[in-house]
Amino acid sequence: MKNSKFTKEMVNDYADKLLIGLTEEENKMVLEEFDIIDKNIDIINEIPNIKNVEPMTHCLDDFIYELREDIVEDSVPIEELLQNCDDYSGREVEVPKVVEE
């Protein structure tokens, strides 16, 4: 890991941004994984004419998108839906606050 593009500080910064804490052991494991990924990318980049290969849009070559026809259907009246709610105001459902400040 001496010539690594990644540092312990970079991993800790990413972990802080993701709101996860990493132990020293986890940080080391992530650095090792980053190095493995980086080495594999280098191997891929060494493939002759790799830049001429178009990216795949799907793993199956003969994949066909099958889109269904849009069919307009009547929706359930809002008054009928609100009958299932404990508390509502006008057309809005009132729910208990779940996030504390």
N, C-alpha and C. Protein backbone atom coordinates (compact mmCIF):
# COMPACT_ATOMS: atom_id res chain seq x y z
N MET A 1 0.81 -1.19 0.00
CA MET A 1 0.00 0.00 0.00
C MET A 1 0.86 1.26 0.00
N LYS A 2 2.13 1.15 -0.24
CA LYS A 2 3.02 2.30 -0.20
C LYS A 2 2.73 3.28 -1.32
N ASN A 3 2.38 2.79 -2.51
CA ASN A 3 2.11 3.65 -3.65
C ASN A 3 0.62 3.86 -3.86
N SER A 4 -0.14 3.76 -2.82
CA SER A 4 -1.59 3.86 -2.93
C SER A 4 -2.03 5.27 -3.26
N LYS A 5 -3.09 5.36 -4.06
CA LYS A 5 -3.70 6.65 -4.37
C LYS A 5 -4.60 7.10 -3.22
N PHE A 6 -4.86 6.21 -2.31
CA PHE A 6 -5.79 6.47 -1.21
C PHE A 6 -5.04 6.56 0.10
N THR A 7 -5.50 7.42 0.98
CA THR A 7 -4.86 7.58 2.29
C THR A 7 -5.88 7.31 3.39
N LYS A 8 -5.35 7.10 4.57
CA LYS A 8 -6.19 6.88 5.74
C LYS A 8 -7.10 8.09 5.96
N GLU A 9 -6.55 9.29 5.73
CA GLU A 9 -7.32 10.52 5.92
C GLU A 9 -8.47 10.61 4.93
N MET A 10 -8.23 10.16 3.67
CA MET A 10 -9.28 10.17 2.66
C MET A 10 -10.42 9.25 3.08
N VAL A 11 -10.08 8.06 3.55
CA VAL A 11 -11.10 7.10 3.97
C VAL A 11 -11.89 7.66 5.15
N ASN A 12 -11.19 8.26 6.11
CA ASN A 12 -11.89 8.84 7.26
C ASN A 12 -12.79 9.98 6.83
N ASP A 13 -12.35 10.79 5.86
CA ASP A 13 -13.17 11.89 5.36
C ASP A 13 -14.43 11.35 4.69
N TYR A 14 -14.28 10.33 3.85
CA TYR A 14 -15.44 9.71 3.21
C TYR A 14 -16.39 9.13 4.25
N ALA A 15 -15.84 8.47 5.25
CA ALA A 15 -16.66 7.87 6.31
C ALA A 15 -17.42 8.95 7.06
N ASP A 16 -16.78 10.08 7.33
CA ASP A 16 -17.46 11.18 8.02
C ASP A 16 -18.60 11.73 7.18
N LYS A 17 -18.37 11.86 5.88
CA LYS A 17 -19.41 12.37 4.98
C LYS A 17 -20.59 11.42 4.89
N LEU A 18 -20.32 10.13 5.03
CA LEU A 18 -21.38 9.12 4.99
C LEU A 18 -22.00 8.87 6.36
N LEU A 19 -21.49 9.61 7.35
CA LEU A 19 -21.97 9.50 8.73
C LEU A 19 -21.77 8.10 9.31
N ILE A 20 -20.65 7.48 8.95
CA ILE A 20 -20.30 6.19 9.55
C ILE A 20 -18.94 6.34 10.21
N GLY A 21 -18.78 5.68 11.29
CA GLY A 21 -17.49 5.70 11.97
C GLY A 21 -16.73 4.43 11.65
N LEU A 22 -15.43 4.56 11.43
CA LEU A 22 -14.62 3.38 11.14
C LEU A 22 -13.55 3.22 12.21
N THR A 23 -13.37 1.98 12.62
CA THR A 23 -12.26 1.67 13.51
C THR A 23 -10.99 1.64 12.69
N GLU A 24 -9.85 1.58 13.36
CA GLU A 24 -8.57 1.49 12.65
C GLU A 24 -8.53 0.25 11.76
N GLU A 25 -9.07 -0.85 12.27
CA GLU A 25 -9.08 -2.10 11.51
C GLU A 25 -9.96 -1.97 10.26
N GLU A 26 -11.14 -1.33 10.41
CA GLU A 26 -12.04 -1.14 9.28
C GLU A 26 -11.41 -0.19 8.25
N ASN A 27 -10.74 0.84 8.73
CA ASN A 27 -10.07 1.77 7.84
C ASN A 27 -9.01 1.06 7.01
N LYS A 28 -8.24 0.20 7.66
CA LYS A 28 -7.20 -0.57 6.97
C LYS A 28 -7.83 -1.49 5.93
N MET A 29 -8.94 -2.14 6.29
CA MET A 29 -9.63 -3.04 5.38
C MET A 29 -10.13 -2.28 4.14
N VAL A 30 -10.69 -1.09 4.34
CA VAL A 30 -11.19 -0.28 3.24
C VAL A 30 -10.04 0.13 2.33
N LEU A 31 -8.92 0.54 2.91
CA LEU A 31 -7.75 0.91 2.11
C LEU A 31 -7.26 -0.26 1.26
N GLU A 32 -7.24 -1.45 1.84
CA GLU A 32 -6.83 -2.64 1.09
C GLU A 32 -7.80 -2.92 -0.06
N GLU A 33 -9.10 -2.77 0.20
CA GLU A 33 -10.10 -2.99 -0.84
C GLU A 33 -9.96 -1.95 -1.96
N PHE A 34 -9.74 -0.68 -1.59
CA PHE A 34 -9.53 0.36 -2.60
C PHE A 34 -8.33 0.04 -3.47
N ASP A 35 -7.26 -0.46 -2.86
CA ASP A 35 -6.07 -0.80 -3.64
C ASP A 35 -6.34 -1.95 -4.61
N ILE A 36 -7.11 -2.94 -4.16
CA ILE A 36 -7.47 -4.07 -5.03
C ILE A 36 -8.31 -3.57 -6.21
N ILE A 37 -9.28 -2.72 -5.92
CA ILE A 37 -10.13 -2.16 -6.98
C ILE A 37 -9.29 -1.35 -7.96
N ASP A 38 -8.39 -0.54 -7.42
CA ASP A 38 -7.53 0.30 -8.27
C ASP A 38 -6.64 -0.55 -9.17
N LYS A 39 -6.09 -1.63 -8.63
CA LYS A 39 -5.25 -2.53 -9.43
C LYS A 39 -6.07 -3.20 -10.54
N ASN A 40 -7.30 -3.58 -10.23
CA ASN A 40 -8.15 -4.20 -11.24
C ASN A 40 -8.53 -3.21 -12.34
N ILE A 41 -8.75 -1.98 -11.98
CA ILE A 41 -9.03 -0.96 -12.99
C ILE A 41 -7.82 -0.76 -13.88
N ASP A 42 -6.62 -0.76 -13.30
CA ASP A 42 -5.40 -0.65 -14.10
C ASP A 42 -5.27 -1.81 -15.09
N ILE A 43 -5.61 -3.01 -14.65
CA ILE A 43 -5.56 -4.18 -15.53
C ILE A 43 -6.55 -4.01 -16.69
N ILE A 44 -7.74 -3.54 -16.39
CA ILE A 44 -8.76 -3.33 -17.43
C ILE A 44 -8.27 -2.28 -18.43
N ASN A 45 -7.66 -1.22 -17.91
CA ASN A 45 -7.18 -0.15 -18.79
C ASN A 45 -6.04 -0.59 -19.70
N GLU A 46 -5.40 -1.70 -19.41
CA GLU A 46 -4.32 -2.23 -20.25
C GLU A 46 -4.82 -3.07 -21.42
N ILE A 47 -6.10 -3.36 -21.44
CA ILE A 47 -6.67 -4.16 -22.53
C ILE A 47 -6.56 -3.35 -23.82
N PRO A 48 -6.01 -3.97 -24.89
CA PRO A 48 -5.87 -3.23 -26.16
C PRO A 48 -7.23 -2.74 -26.67
N ASN A 49 -7.24 -1.52 -27.14
CA ASN A 49 -8.42 -0.89 -27.74
C ASN A 49 -9.63 -0.82 -26.81
N ILE A 50 -9.41 -0.82 -25.53
CA ILE A 50 -10.54 -0.78 -24.58
C ILE A 50 -11.34 0.50 -24.75
N LYS A 51 -10.68 1.56 -25.19
CA LYS A 51 -11.39 2.84 -25.36
C LYS A 51 -12.35 2.81 -26.54
N ASN A 52 -12.19 1.84 -27.44
CA ASN A 52 -13.08 1.72 -28.60
C ASN A 52 -14.32 0.88 -28.31
N VAL A 53 -14.39 0.27 -27.15
CA VAL A 53 -15.51 -0.59 -26.80
C VAL A 53 -16.63 0.27 -26.22
N GLU A 54 -17.83 0.13 -26.81
CA GLU A 54 -18.96 0.91 -26.31
C GLU A 54 -19.51 0.27 -25.03
N PRO A 55 -19.91 1.09 -24.09
CA PRO A 55 -20.47 0.55 -22.85
C PRO A 55 -21.77 -0.20 -23.12
N MET A 56 -22.01 -1.21 -22.29
CA MET A 56 -23.25 -1.97 -22.41
C MET A 56 -24.37 -1.20 -21.74
N THR A 57 -25.55 -1.31 -22.30
CA THR A 57 -26.71 -0.73 -21.65
C THR A 57 -27.51 -1.81 -20.91
N HIS A 58 -27.25 -3.05 -21.27
CA HIS A 58 -27.92 -4.16 -20.61
C HIS A 58 -27.04 -5.40 -20.76
N CYS A 59 -27.11 -6.31 -19.81
CA CYS A 59 -26.24 -7.49 -19.84
C CYS A 59 -26.63 -8.48 -20.93
N LEU A 60 -27.83 -8.38 -21.45
CA LEU A 60 -28.26 -9.27 -22.52
C LEU A 60 -28.26 -8.51 -23.84
N ASP A 61 -27.58 -9.05 -24.84
CA ASP A 61 -27.49 -8.37 -26.13
C ASP A 61 -28.83 -8.19 -26.82
N ASP A 62 -29.71 -9.17 -26.67
CA ASP A 62 -30.98 -9.12 -27.39
C ASP A 62 -32.13 -8.64 -26.51
N PHE A 63 -31.81 -7.87 -25.50
CA PHE A 63 -32.84 -7.38 -24.59
C PHE A 63 -33.76 -6.40 -25.31
N ILE A 64 -35.05 -6.59 -25.16
CA ILE A 64 -36.04 -5.72 -25.78
C ILE A 64 -36.92 -5.15 -24.67
N TYR A 65 -37.02 -3.83 -24.65
CA TYR A 65 -37.90 -3.21 -23.67
C TYR A 65 -39.34 -3.44 -24.08
N GLU A 66 -40.11 -3.96 -23.15
CA GLU A 66 -41.52 -4.17 -23.44
C GLU A 66 -42.31 -3.21 -22.57
N LEU A 67 -42.81 -2.17 -23.20
CA LEU A 67 -43.58 -1.17 -22.48
C LEU A 67 -45.06 -1.45 -22.66
N ARG A 68 -45.77 -1.38 -21.58
CA ARG A 68 -47.20 -1.60 -21.68
C ARG A 68 -47.88 -0.30 -22.11
N GLU A 69 -49.02 -0.43 -22.67
CA GLU A 69 -49.78 0.74 -23.10
C GLU A 69 -50.36 1.42 -21.86
N ASP A 70 -50.30 2.74 -21.84
CA ASP A 70 -50.90 3.48 -20.73
C ASP A 70 -52.41 3.41 -20.84
N ILE A 71 -53.00 2.97 -19.77
CA ILE A 71 -54.46 2.88 -19.74
C ILE A 71 -54.95 3.79 -18.63
N VAL A 72 -55.79 4.75 -18.97
CA VAL A 72 -56.32 5.68 -17.99
C VAL A 72 -57.43 4.98 -17.21
N GLU A 73 -57.29 4.99 -15.90
CA GLU A 73 -58.29 4.39 -15.04
C GLU A 73 -58.77 5.43 -14.04
N ASP A 74 -60.00 5.29 -13.61
CA ASP A 74 -60.52 6.19 -12.58
C ASP A 74 -59.79 5.94 -11.28
N SER A 75 -59.44 7.02 -10.59
CA SER A 75 -58.79 6.85 -9.30
C SER A 75 -59.83 6.88 -8.18
N VAL A 76 -59.42 6.44 -7.02
CA VAL A 76 -60.32 6.40 -5.87
C VAL A 76 -60.55 7.83 -5.39
N PRO A 77 -61.77 8.21 -5.11
CA PRO A 77 -62.03 9.57 -4.62
C PRO A 77 -61.28 9.82 -3.30
N ILE A 78 -60.74 11.03 -3.15
CA ILE A 78 -59.95 11.38 -1.98
C ILE A 78 -60.75 11.22 -0.69
N GLU A 79 -62.03 11.52 -0.74
CA GLU A 79 -62.87 11.39 0.46
C GLU A 79 -62.93 9.94 0.93
N GLU A 80 -62.98 9.03 -0.02
CA GLU A 80 -63.02 7.61 0.33
C GLU A 80 -61.69 7.16 0.94
N LEU A 81 -60.58 7.68 0.41
CA LEU A 81 -59.26 7.34 0.96
C LEU A 81 -59.10 7.88 2.37
N LEU A 82 -59.58 9.10 2.60
CA LEU A 82 -59.42 9.73 3.91
C LEU A 82 -60.22 9.02 5.00
N GLN A 83 -61.18 8.20 4.63
CA GLN A 83 -61.93 7.43 5.63
C GLN A 83 -61.03 6.44 6.35
N ASN A 84 -59.91 6.07 5.77
CA ASN A 84 -58.98 5.13 6.38
C ASN A 84 -57.97 5.82 7.30
N CYS A 85 -57.99 7.13 7.38
CA CYS A 85 -57.01 7.89 8.17
C CYS A 85 -57.58 8.25 9.54
N ASP A 86 -56.71 8.21 10.53
CA ASP A 86 -57.12 8.62 11.87
C ASP A 86 -57.30 10.14 11.95
N ASP A 87 -56.39 10.88 11.31
CA ASP A 87 -56.39 12.32 11.43
C ASP A 87 -56.05 12.96 10.09
N TYR A 88 -56.86 13.90 9.67
CA TYR A 88 -56.55 14.61 8.44
C TYR A 88 -57.11 16.02 8.51
N SER A 89 -56.52 16.87 7.68
CA SER A 89 -56.94 18.26 7.61
C SER A 89 -57.14 18.60 6.14
N GLY A 90 -58.37 18.85 5.77
CA GLY A 90 -58.67 19.09 4.36
C GLY A 90 -58.39 17.84 3.56
N ARG A 91 -57.44 17.94 2.62
CA ARG A 91 -57.06 16.78 1.80
C ARG A 91 -55.71 16.22 2.20
N GLU A 92 -55.19 16.65 3.35
CA GLU A 92 -53.87 16.22 3.80
C GLU A 92 -53.97 15.33 5.04
N VAL A 93 -53.17 14.28 5.03
CA VAL A 93 -53.13 13.35 6.15
C VAL A 93 -52.17 13.90 7.20
N GLU A 94 -52.59 13.91 8.45
CA GLU A 94 -51.72 14.35 9.54
C GLU A 94 -51.07 13.12 10.16
N VAL A 95 -49.75 13.19 10.29
CA VAL A 95 -48.99 12.07 10.87
C VAL A 95 -48.19 12.59 12.06
N PRO A 96 -47.87 11.72 13.01
CA PRO A 96 -47.08 12.17 14.15
C PRO A 96 -45.65 12.52 13.74
N LYS A 97 -45.09 13.49 14.43
CA LYS A 97 -43.72 13.90 14.17
C LYS A 97 -42.79 12.78 14.63
N VAL A 98 -41.84 12.39 13.78
CA VAL A 98 -40.95 11.29 14.12
C VAL A 98 -39.49 11.73 14.23
N VAL A 99 -39.20 12.99 13.86
CA VAL A 99 -37.83 13.49 13.92
C VAL A 99 -37.76 14.55 15.00
N GLU A 100 -36.84 14.39 15.92
CA GLU A 100 -36.66 15.38 16.96
C GLU A 100 -35.55 16.34 16.56
N GLU A 101 -35.70 17.57 16.98
CA GLU A 101 -34.68 18.58 16.66
C GLU A 101 -33.60 18.62 17.69
